[in-house]
N, C-alpha and C. Protein backbone atom coordinates (compact mmCIF):
# COMPACT_ATOMS: atom_id res chain seq x y z
N UNK A 1 -19.02 15.64 4.81
CA UNK A 1 -17.67 15.11 4.79
C UNK A 1 -16.67 16.25 4.88
N UNK A 2 -15.58 15.97 5.52
CA UNK A 2 -14.56 16.97 5.74
C UNK A 2 -13.56 17.00 4.59
N UNK A 3 -13.03 18.17 4.34
CA UNK A 3 -11.97 18.30 3.34
C UNK A 3 -10.61 18.38 4.00
N UNK A 4 -10.54 18.01 5.27
CA UNK A 4 -9.28 18.06 6.00
C UNK A 4 -8.25 17.19 5.31
N UNK A 5 -7.03 17.69 5.25
CA UNK A 5 -5.93 16.94 4.67
C UNK A 5 -5.04 16.42 5.79
N UNK A 6 -4.78 15.13 5.78
CA UNK A 6 -3.85 14.53 6.72
C UNK A 6 -2.46 14.61 6.11
N UNK A 7 -1.48 14.92 6.92
CA UNK A 7 -0.12 14.97 6.41
C UNK A 7 0.28 13.60 5.91
N UNK A 8 1.03 13.58 4.82
CA UNK A 8 1.53 12.31 4.29
C UNK A 8 2.55 11.72 5.24
N UNK A 9 2.82 10.46 5.07
CA UNK A 9 3.86 9.83 5.87
C UNK A 9 5.17 10.56 5.65
N UNK A 10 6.03 10.59 6.66
CA UNK A 10 7.33 11.25 6.45
C UNK A 10 8.26 10.35 5.64
N UNK A 11 7.73 9.88 4.52
CA UNK A 11 8.46 8.99 3.63
C UNK A 11 8.41 9.61 2.24
N UNK A 12 9.51 9.59 1.53
CA UNK A 12 9.56 10.17 0.19
C UNK A 12 8.46 9.58 -0.69
N UNK A 13 7.77 10.45 -1.40
CA UNK A 13 6.73 10.02 -2.33
C UNK A 13 5.33 10.07 -1.78
N UNK A 14 5.18 10.15 -0.47
CA UNK A 14 3.84 10.20 0.11
C UNK A 14 3.40 11.65 0.26
N UNK A 15 2.10 11.88 0.09
CA UNK A 15 1.56 13.24 0.10
C UNK A 15 0.37 13.31 1.07
N UNK A 16 -0.09 14.52 1.40
CA UNK A 16 -1.26 14.65 2.28
C UNK A 16 -2.47 13.92 1.69
N UNK A 17 -3.34 13.40 2.57
CA UNK A 17 -4.50 12.63 2.15
C UNK A 17 -5.77 13.21 2.77
N UNK A 18 -6.89 13.10 2.05
CA UNK A 18 -8.18 13.58 2.55
C UNK A 18 -8.73 12.63 3.60
N UNK A 19 -9.69 13.14 4.38
CA UNK A 19 -10.39 12.29 5.36
C UNK A 19 -11.00 11.07 4.68
N UNK A 20 -11.57 11.27 3.50
CA UNK A 20 -12.24 10.19 2.79
C UNK A 20 -11.27 9.08 2.42
N UNK A 21 -10.10 9.47 1.92
CA UNK A 21 -9.11 8.46 1.54
C UNK A 21 -8.57 7.72 2.77
N UNK A 22 -8.34 8.45 3.85
CA UNK A 22 -7.87 7.82 5.08
C UNK A 22 -8.92 6.83 5.58
N UNK A 23 -10.19 7.21 5.52
CA UNK A 23 -11.27 6.31 5.97
C UNK A 23 -11.32 5.05 5.10
N UNK A 24 -11.18 5.20 3.79
CA UNK A 24 -11.19 4.03 2.90
C UNK A 24 -10.06 3.07 3.23
N UNK A 25 -8.87 3.61 3.42
CA UNK A 25 -7.72 2.75 3.73
C UNK A 25 -7.90 2.10 5.09
N UNK A 26 -8.44 2.83 6.06
CA UNK A 26 -8.68 2.23 7.37
C UNK A 26 -9.70 1.10 7.29
N UNK A 27 -10.73 1.24 6.44
CA UNK A 27 -11.68 0.15 6.23
C UNK A 27 -10.97 -1.07 5.65
N UNK A 28 -10.11 -0.82 4.66
CA UNK A 28 -9.35 -1.93 4.06
C UNK A 28 -8.46 -2.61 5.09
N UNK A 29 -7.83 -1.80 5.95
CA UNK A 29 -6.94 -2.38 6.96
C UNK A 29 -7.73 -3.26 7.93
N UNK A 30 -8.95 -2.86 8.27
CA UNK A 30 -9.78 -3.69 9.15
C UNK A 30 -10.15 -5.00 8.47
N UNK A 31 -10.56 -4.92 7.21
CA UNK A 31 -10.90 -6.13 6.47
C UNK A 31 -9.68 -7.06 6.36
N UNK A 32 -8.54 -6.48 6.06
CA UNK A 32 -7.32 -7.28 5.95
C UNK A 32 -7.02 -7.98 7.27
N UNK A 33 -7.15 -7.26 8.37
CA UNK A 33 -6.86 -7.86 9.67
C UNK A 33 -7.80 -9.01 9.98
N UNK A 34 -9.08 -8.87 9.61
CA UNK A 34 -10.03 -9.97 9.84
C UNK A 34 -9.63 -11.21 9.05
N UNK A 35 -9.22 -11.01 7.81
CA UNK A 35 -8.80 -12.14 6.97
C UNK A 35 -7.52 -12.76 7.53
N UNK A 36 -6.57 -11.93 7.93
CA UNK A 36 -5.31 -12.46 8.47
C UNK A 36 -5.55 -13.24 9.76
N UNK A 37 -6.49 -12.80 10.57
CA UNK A 37 -6.80 -13.55 11.80
C UNK A 37 -7.43 -14.91 11.47
N UNK A 38 -8.26 -14.95 10.44
CA UNK A 38 -8.80 -16.24 9.99
C UNK A 38 -7.65 -17.13 9.53
N UNK A 39 -6.71 -16.55 8.84
CA UNK A 39 -5.56 -17.33 8.38
C UNK A 39 -4.72 -17.82 9.56
N UNK A 40 -4.62 -17.01 10.60
CA UNK A 40 -3.91 -17.45 11.81
C UNK A 40 -4.60 -18.67 12.41
N UNK A 41 -5.94 -18.68 12.39
CA UNK A 41 -6.68 -19.84 12.91
C UNK A 41 -6.40 -21.07 12.04
N UNK A 42 -6.37 -20.87 10.73
CA UNK A 42 -6.06 -22.00 9.84
C UNK A 42 -4.65 -22.53 10.09
N UNK A 43 -3.72 -21.63 10.30
CA UNK A 43 -2.33 -22.04 10.52
C UNK A 43 -2.17 -22.83 11.82
N UNK A 44 -3.08 -22.62 12.76
CA UNK A 44 -2.99 -23.30 14.06
C UNK A 44 -3.64 -24.69 14.04
N UNK A 45 -4.25 -25.07 12.92
CA UNK A 45 -4.88 -26.39 12.83
C UNK A 45 -3.80 -27.48 12.84
N UNK A 46 -4.20 -28.70 13.16
CA UNK A 46 -3.22 -29.80 13.19
C UNK A 46 -2.46 -29.93 11.87
N UNK A 47 -1.22 -30.36 11.98
CA UNK A 47 -0.37 -30.54 10.80
C UNK A 47 -1.08 -31.40 9.76
N UNK A 48 -0.95 -31.01 8.51
CA UNK A 48 -1.55 -31.75 7.41
C UNK A 48 -2.94 -31.27 7.03
N UNK A 49 -3.56 -30.44 7.87
CA UNK A 49 -4.89 -29.91 7.56
C UNK A 49 -4.81 -28.90 6.43
N UNK A 50 -3.76 -28.10 6.45
CA UNK A 50 -3.56 -27.05 5.46
C UNK A 50 -2.19 -27.26 4.82
N UNK A 51 -2.14 -27.21 3.49
CA UNK A 51 -0.87 -27.33 2.78
C UNK A 51 -0.07 -26.05 3.02
N UNK A 52 1.09 -26.14 3.68
CA UNK A 52 1.83 -24.92 4.03
C UNK A 52 2.31 -24.12 2.83
N UNK A 53 2.62 -24.78 1.74
CA UNK A 53 3.08 -24.05 0.55
C UNK A 53 1.96 -23.18 0.00
N UNK A 54 0.79 -23.78 -0.21
CA UNK A 54 -0.33 -23.02 -0.75
C UNK A 54 -0.83 -21.99 0.25
N UNK A 55 -0.75 -22.32 1.52
CA UNK A 55 -1.14 -21.35 2.55
C UNK A 55 -0.26 -20.10 2.44
N UNK A 56 1.04 -20.31 2.32
CA UNK A 56 1.97 -19.19 2.20
C UNK A 56 1.71 -18.37 0.94
N UNK A 57 1.46 -19.06 -0.16
CA UNK A 57 1.15 -18.36 -1.42
C UNK A 57 -0.12 -17.53 -1.25
N UNK A 58 -1.14 -18.11 -0.63
CA UNK A 58 -2.40 -17.40 -0.42
C UNK A 58 -2.24 -16.19 0.47
N UNK A 59 -1.50 -16.35 1.57
CA UNK A 59 -1.31 -15.22 2.49
C UNK A 59 -0.56 -14.08 1.80
N UNK A 60 0.48 -14.42 1.06
CA UNK A 60 1.24 -13.40 0.35
C UNK A 60 0.36 -12.68 -0.68
N UNK A 61 -0.47 -13.44 -1.39
CA UNK A 61 -1.35 -12.83 -2.40
C UNK A 61 -2.35 -11.88 -1.74
N UNK A 62 -2.89 -12.28 -0.60
CA UNK A 62 -3.85 -11.41 0.11
C UNK A 62 -3.15 -10.14 0.59
N UNK A 63 -1.98 -10.29 1.19
CA UNK A 63 -1.24 -9.11 1.66
C UNK A 63 -0.89 -8.19 0.50
N UNK A 64 -0.44 -8.76 -0.62
CA UNK A 64 -0.12 -7.95 -1.80
C UNK A 64 -1.37 -7.27 -2.35
N UNK A 65 -2.49 -7.97 -2.33
CA UNK A 65 -3.74 -7.39 -2.83
C UNK A 65 -4.17 -6.18 -2.02
N UNK A 66 -4.13 -6.30 -0.70
CA UNK A 66 -4.51 -5.16 0.13
C UNK A 66 -3.52 -4.01 -0.01
N UNK A 67 -2.24 -4.33 -0.14
CA UNK A 67 -1.25 -3.28 -0.34
C UNK A 67 -1.54 -2.53 -1.64
N UNK A 68 -1.87 -3.27 -2.70
CA UNK A 68 -2.17 -2.64 -3.98
C UNK A 68 -3.43 -1.78 -3.89
N UNK A 69 -4.46 -2.28 -3.20
CA UNK A 69 -5.67 -1.48 -3.02
C UNK A 69 -5.37 -0.16 -2.32
N UNK A 70 -4.60 -0.25 -1.24
CA UNK A 70 -4.30 0.96 -0.47
C UNK A 70 -3.41 1.92 -1.25
N UNK A 71 -2.48 1.39 -2.01
CA UNK A 71 -1.65 2.26 -2.87
C UNK A 71 -2.51 2.91 -3.95
N UNK A 72 -3.54 2.20 -4.43
CA UNK A 72 -4.41 2.79 -5.45
C UNK A 72 -5.18 3.98 -4.90
N UNK A 73 -5.42 3.97 -3.60
CA UNK A 73 -6.14 5.08 -2.96
C UNK A 73 -5.18 6.22 -2.61
N UNK A 74 -4.08 5.90 -1.96
CA UNK A 74 -3.13 6.95 -1.54
C UNK A 74 -2.26 7.45 -2.69
N UNK A 75 -2.06 6.65 -3.71
CA UNK A 75 -1.31 7.03 -4.90
C UNK A 75 0.04 7.69 -4.60
N UNK A 76 0.92 6.97 -3.89
CA UNK A 76 2.23 7.57 -3.63
C UNK A 76 3.00 7.76 -4.93
N UNK A 77 3.84 8.76 -4.94
CA UNK A 77 4.65 9.04 -6.13
C UNK A 77 6.05 8.49 -5.97
N UNK A 78 6.84 8.72 -6.96
CA UNK A 78 8.24 8.30 -6.92
C UNK A 78 9.04 9.27 -6.07
N UNK A 79 10.09 8.78 -5.49
CA UNK A 79 10.95 9.60 -4.64
C UNK A 79 11.91 10.41 -5.50
N UNK A 80 12.19 11.62 -5.07
CA UNK A 80 13.21 12.45 -5.73
C UNK A 80 14.57 12.08 -5.17
N UNK A 81 15.56 12.07 -6.03
CA UNK A 81 16.93 11.79 -5.62
C UNK A 81 17.78 13.03 -5.78
N UNK A 82 18.86 13.14 -5.01
CA UNK A 82 19.70 14.33 -5.09
C UNK A 82 20.22 14.61 -6.50
N UNK A 83 20.42 13.57 -7.28
CA UNK A 83 20.97 13.77 -8.62
C UNK A 83 19.91 14.08 -9.68
N UNK A 84 18.64 14.19 -9.26
CA UNK A 84 17.59 14.51 -10.22
C UNK A 84 17.84 15.89 -10.83
N UNK A 85 17.30 16.07 -12.03
CA UNK A 85 17.45 17.34 -12.74
C UNK A 85 16.78 18.46 -11.97
N UNK A 86 17.33 19.65 -12.02
CA UNK A 86 16.66 20.80 -11.40
C UNK A 86 15.27 20.99 -12.02
N UNK A 87 14.35 21.51 -11.25
CA UNK A 87 12.96 21.65 -11.69
C UNK A 87 12.82 22.55 -12.92
N UNK A 88 13.75 23.49 -13.11
CA UNK A 88 13.60 24.43 -14.22
C UNK A 88 13.98 23.82 -15.57
N UNK A 89 14.58 22.64 -15.59
CA UNK A 89 14.94 21.99 -16.85
C UNK A 89 13.83 21.03 -17.25
N UNK A 90 13.37 21.14 -18.47
CA UNK A 90 12.29 20.28 -18.95
C UNK A 90 12.81 18.87 -19.19
N UNK A 91 12.00 17.88 -18.82
CA UNK A 91 12.35 16.49 -19.10
C UNK A 91 11.07 15.69 -19.33
N UNK A 92 11.22 14.57 -20.03
CA UNK A 92 10.05 13.76 -20.36
C UNK A 92 9.71 12.83 -19.20
N UNK A 93 8.70 11.95 -19.41
CA UNK A 93 8.24 11.05 -18.36
C UNK A 93 9.31 10.06 -17.89
N UNK A 94 10.32 9.83 -18.70
CA UNK A 94 11.38 8.90 -18.33
C UNK A 94 12.56 9.62 -17.68
N UNK A 95 12.43 10.93 -17.46
CA UNK A 95 13.48 11.68 -16.81
C UNK A 95 14.56 12.18 -17.75
N UNK A 96 14.36 12.01 -19.06
CA UNK A 96 15.37 12.46 -20.02
C UNK A 96 15.16 13.94 -20.31
N UNK A 97 16.26 14.66 -20.50
CA UNK A 97 16.17 16.08 -20.84
C UNK A 97 15.48 16.20 -22.18
N UNK A 98 14.46 17.05 -22.23
CA UNK A 98 13.67 17.21 -23.46
C UNK A 98 14.34 18.19 -24.41
């Protein structure tokens, strides 16, 4: 296995990722796409076959679940803001000056 680091997304809070983590997330993305395509087939069934309210709840739950799995692997951090304390000042986990 490679120890190559992929650059993080150019989005605040994202960091470089290993080949292994990228592969895991790509596997999850493939699984998610297969499930979403099955859901597309269900959505195309004649009216009344699938309850649209529960279908929507289920789709949202699946999308949220995969998002949570992928975030658990990539572990993005919080974004820094211009008004954040300078790095040389000590502060606790809540951002308060210690």
